[in-house]
C-alpha atoms as a PDB file:
ATOM      1  CA  UNK A   1     102.959 203.745 207.605  1.00  0.00           C
ATOM      2  CA  UNK A   2     106.499 203.371 208.923  1.00  0.00           C
ATOM      3  CA  UNK A   3     108.952 201.072 207.247  1.00  0.00           C
ATOM      4  CA  UNK A   4     108.759 198.847 210.364  1.00  0.00           C
ATOM      5  CA  UNK A   5     105.016 198.384 209.818  1.00  0.00           C
ATOM      6  CA  UNK A   6     105.597 197.394 206.195  1.00  0.00           C
ATOM      7  CA  UNK A   7     108.307 194.793 206.727  1.00  0.00           C
ATOM      8  CA  UNK A   8     106.298 191.935 205.135  1.00  0.00           C
ATOM      9  CA  UNK A   9     105.788 193.825 201.932  1.00  0.00           C
ATOM     10  CA  UNK A  10     109.546 194.398 201.785  1.00  0.00           C
ATOM     11  CA  UNK A  11     110.194 190.705 202.383  1.00  0.00           C
ATOM     12  CA  UNK A  12     107.840 189.779 199.528  1.00  0.00           C
ATOM     13  CA  UNK A  13     109.352 192.300 197.165  1.00  0.00           C
ATOM     14  CA  UNK A  14     113.043 191.787 198.048  1.00  0.00           C
ATOM     15  CA  UNK A  15     113.218 188.158 199.199  1.00  0.00           C
ATOM     16  CA  UNK A  16     116.825 187.108 199.422  1.00  0.00           C
ATOM     17  CA  UNK A  17     115.803 183.389 199.326  1.00  0.00           C
ATOM     18  CA  UNK A  18     114.094 183.172 195.949  1.00  0.00           C
ATOM     19  CA  UNK A  19     114.071 185.185 192.717  1.00  0.00           C
ATOM     20  CA  UNK A  20     110.359 185.511 192.114  1.00  0.00           C
ATOM     21  CA  UNK A  21     108.774 186.449 188.893  1.00  0.00           C
ATOM     22  CA  UNK A  22     107.203 189.827 188.878  1.00  0.00           C
ATOM     23  CA  UNK A  23     103.727 189.966 190.427  1.00  0.00           C
ATOM     24  CA  UNK A  24     103.574 186.119 190.740  1.00  0.00           C
ATOM     25  CA  UNK A  25     101.026 186.332 193.537  1.00  0.00           C
ATOM     26  CA  UNK A  26      98.619 188.404 191.397  1.00  0.00           C
ATOM     27  CA  UNK A  27      98.406 185.799 188.621  1.00  0.00           C
ATOM     28  CA  UNK A  28      94.960 184.057 188.135  1.00  0.00           C
ATOM     29  CA  UNK A  29      96.286 180.630 187.188  1.00  0.00           C
ATOM     30  CA  UNK A  30      97.218 178.438 190.239  1.00  0.00           C
ATOM     31  CA  UNK A  31      99.291 176.079 188.200  1.00  0.00           C
ATOM     32  CA  UNK A  32     101.290 178.802 186.645  1.00  0.00           C
ATOM     33  CA  UNK A  33     101.971 180.275 190.167  1.00  0.00           C
ATOM     34  CA  UNK A  34     102.995 176.916 191.440  1.00  0.00           C
ATOM     35  CA  UNK A  35     105.382 176.166 188.513  1.00  0.00           C
ATOM     36  CA  UNK A  36     106.935 179.588 188.862  1.00  0.00           C
ATOM     37  CA  UNK A  37     107.555 179.155 192.519  1.00  0.00           C
ATOM     38  CA  UNK A  38     108.954 175.652 191.890  1.00  0.00           C
ATOM     39  CA  UNK A  39     111.240 176.999 189.357  1.00  0.00           C
ATOM     40  CA  UNK A  40     112.473 179.814 191.559  1.00  0.00           C
ATOM     41  CA  UNK A  41     113.099 177.485 194.474  1.00  0.00           C
ATOM     42  CA  UNK A  42     114.933 174.844 192.441  1.00  0.00           C
ATOM     43  CA  UNK A  43     117.264 177.439 190.829  1.00  0.00           C
ATOM     44  CA  UNK A  44     117.971 179.458 193.878  1.00  0.00           C
ATOM     45  CA  UNK A  45     121.311 178.851 195.658  1.00  0.00           C
ATOM     46  CA  UNK A  46     120.456 181.214 198.457  1.00  0.00           C
ATOM     47  CA  UNK A  47     117.642 179.225 200.064  1.00  0.00           C
ATOM     48  CA  UNK A  48     118.152 177.550 203.416  1.00  0.00           C
ATOM     49  CA  UNK A  49     115.862 174.520 203.061  1.00  0.00           C
ATOM     50  CA  UNK A  50     114.772 172.183 200.339  1.00  0.00           C
ATOM     51  CA  UNK A  51     112.995 173.624 197.306  1.00  0.00           C
ATOM     52  CA  UNK A  52     109.479 172.421 198.215  1.00  0.00           C
ATOM     53  CA  UNK A  53     109.695 173.899 201.622  1.00  0.00           C
ATOM     54  CA  UNK A  54     111.073 177.277 200.393  1.00  0.00           C
ATOM     55  CA  UNK A  55     108.314 177.550 197.747  1.00  0.00           C
ATOM     56  CA  UNK A  56     105.502 176.603 200.088  1.00  0.00           C
ATOM     57  CA  UNK A  57     106.837 178.943 202.834  1.00  0.00           C
ATOM     58  CA  UNK A  58     106.843 181.927 200.485  1.00  0.00           C
ATOM     59  CA  UNK A  59     103.344 181.157 199.244  1.00  0.00           C
ATOM     60  CA  UNK A  60     102.087 180.703 202.782  1.00  0.00           C
ATOM     61  CA  UNK A  61     103.869 183.828 203.917  1.00  0.00           C
ATOM     62  CA  UNK A  62     102.174 185.920 201.288  1.00  0.00           C
ATOM     63  CA  UNK A  63      98.729 184.515 201.944  1.00  0.00           C
ATOM     64  CA  UNK A  64      99.096 185.039 205.744  1.00  0.00           C
ATOM     65  CA  UNK A  65     100.544 188.598 205.435  1.00  0.00           C
ATOM     66  CA  UNK A  66      98.143 189.853 202.816  1.00  0.00           C
ATOM     67  CA  UNK A  67      95.350 189.407 205.353  1.00  0.00           C
ATOM     68  CA  UNK A  68      92.114 191.398 204.532  1.00  0.00           C
ATOM     69  CA  UNK A  69      93.793 193.138 201.623  1.00  0.00           C
ATOM     70  CA  UNK A  70      93.604 189.839 199.593  1.00  0.00           C
ATOM     71  CA  UNK A  71      90.352 189.350 197.724  1.00  0.00           C
ATOM     72  CA  UNK A  72      88.440 186.144 198.365  1.00  0.00           C
ATOM     73  CA  UNK A  73      88.852 185.080 194.768  1.00  0.00           C
ATOM     74  CA  UNK A  74      92.705 185.703 194.854  1.00  0.00           C
ATOM     75  CA  UNK A  75      92.876 183.926 198.135  1.00  0.00           C
ATOM     76  CA  UNK A  76      91.167 180.887 196.528  1.00  0.00           C
ATOM     77  CA  UNK A  77      93.642 180.986 193.574  1.00  0.00           C
ATOM     78  CA  UNK A  78      96.573 180.987 196.024  1.00  0.00           C
ATOM     79  CA  UNK A  79      95.093 178.195 198.107  1.00  0.00           C
ATOM     80  CA  UNK A  80      94.685 176.185 194.819  1.00  0.00           C
ATOM     81  CA  UNK A  81      98.301 177.026 194.000  1.00  0.00           C
ATOM     82  CA  UNK A  82      99.311 175.322 197.242  1.00  0.00           C
ATOM     83  CA  UNK A  83      97.719 172.047 195.984  1.00  0.00           C
ATOM     84  CA  UNK A  84      99.349 172.533 192.639  1.00  0.00           C
ATOM     85  CA  UNK A  85     102.708 173.062 194.241  1.00  0.00           C
ATOM     86  CA  UNK A  86     102.314 169.834 196.165  1.00  0.00           C
ATOM     87  CA  UNK A  87     101.514 167.997 192.911  1.00  0.00           C
ATOM     88  CA  UNK A  88     104.405 169.654 191.094  1.00  0.00           C
ATOM     89  CA  UNK A  89     106.792 168.392 193.797  1.00  0.00           C
ATOM     90  CA  UNK A  90     105.138 164.970 193.929  1.00  0.00           C
ATOM     91  CA  UNK A  91     103.826 165.414 197.396  1.00  0.00           C
ATOM     92  CA  UNK A  92     100.538 163.783 198.469  1.00  0.00           C
ATOM     93  CA  UNK A  93      97.715 166.070 199.323  1.00  0.00           C
ATOM     94  CA  UNK A  94      97.735 166.734 203.024  1.00  0.00           C
ATOM     95  CA  UNK A  95     100.507 164.195 203.755  1.00  0.00           C
ATOM     96  CA  UNK A  96     102.957 165.102 206.576  1.00  0.00           C
ATOM     97  CA  UNK A  97     106.415 166.087 205.603  1.00  0.00           C
ATOM     98  CA  UNK A  98     109.406 163.960 206.423  1.00  0.00           C
ATOM     99  CA  UNK A  99     110.264 166.416 209.221  1.00  0.00           C
ATOM    100  CA  UNK A 100     106.934 166.256 210.825  1.00  0.00           C
ATOM    101  CA  UNK A 101     106.852 164.097 213.991  1.00  0.00           C
ATOM    102  CA  UNK A 102     103.794 162.073 214.629  1.00  0.00           C
ATOM    103  CA  UNK A 103     102.179 162.651 217.983  1.00  0.00           C
ATOM    104  CA  UNK A 104     101.988 159.794 220.507  1.00  0.00           C
ATOM    105  CA  UNK A 105      98.541 158.574 221.201  1.00  0.00           C
ATOM    106  CA  UNK A 106      96.924 159.867 224.325  1.00  0.00           C
ATOM    107  CA  UNK A 107      97.359 157.631 227.246  1.00  0.00           C
ATOM    108  CA  UNK A 108      94.249 155.849 228.505  1.00  0.00           C
ATOM    109  CA  UNK A 109      93.088 156.958 231.980  1.00  0.00           C
END
């Protein structure tokens, strides 16, 4: 494949936003993954948004870009890591972030 087709692998490996632990996304413990991402995000001075958002973005990016190459068991581990990351940052499960706007209710016809 050309380097253009492998850009997501390069982003994951050489992220300029967070200094990730080696092979963090291959670990089997969701809590360990979440705490590692939290630590990386909190100690990075190159990120552009708040630590929670940076850590969650990197995790989501990896899950989405791995596609079919990610085993079902590792996808489950990473999805659980999202929940652990929310807990680690004291965010409620499924609660909207502060920047999320609520939609106006549909008008009655």
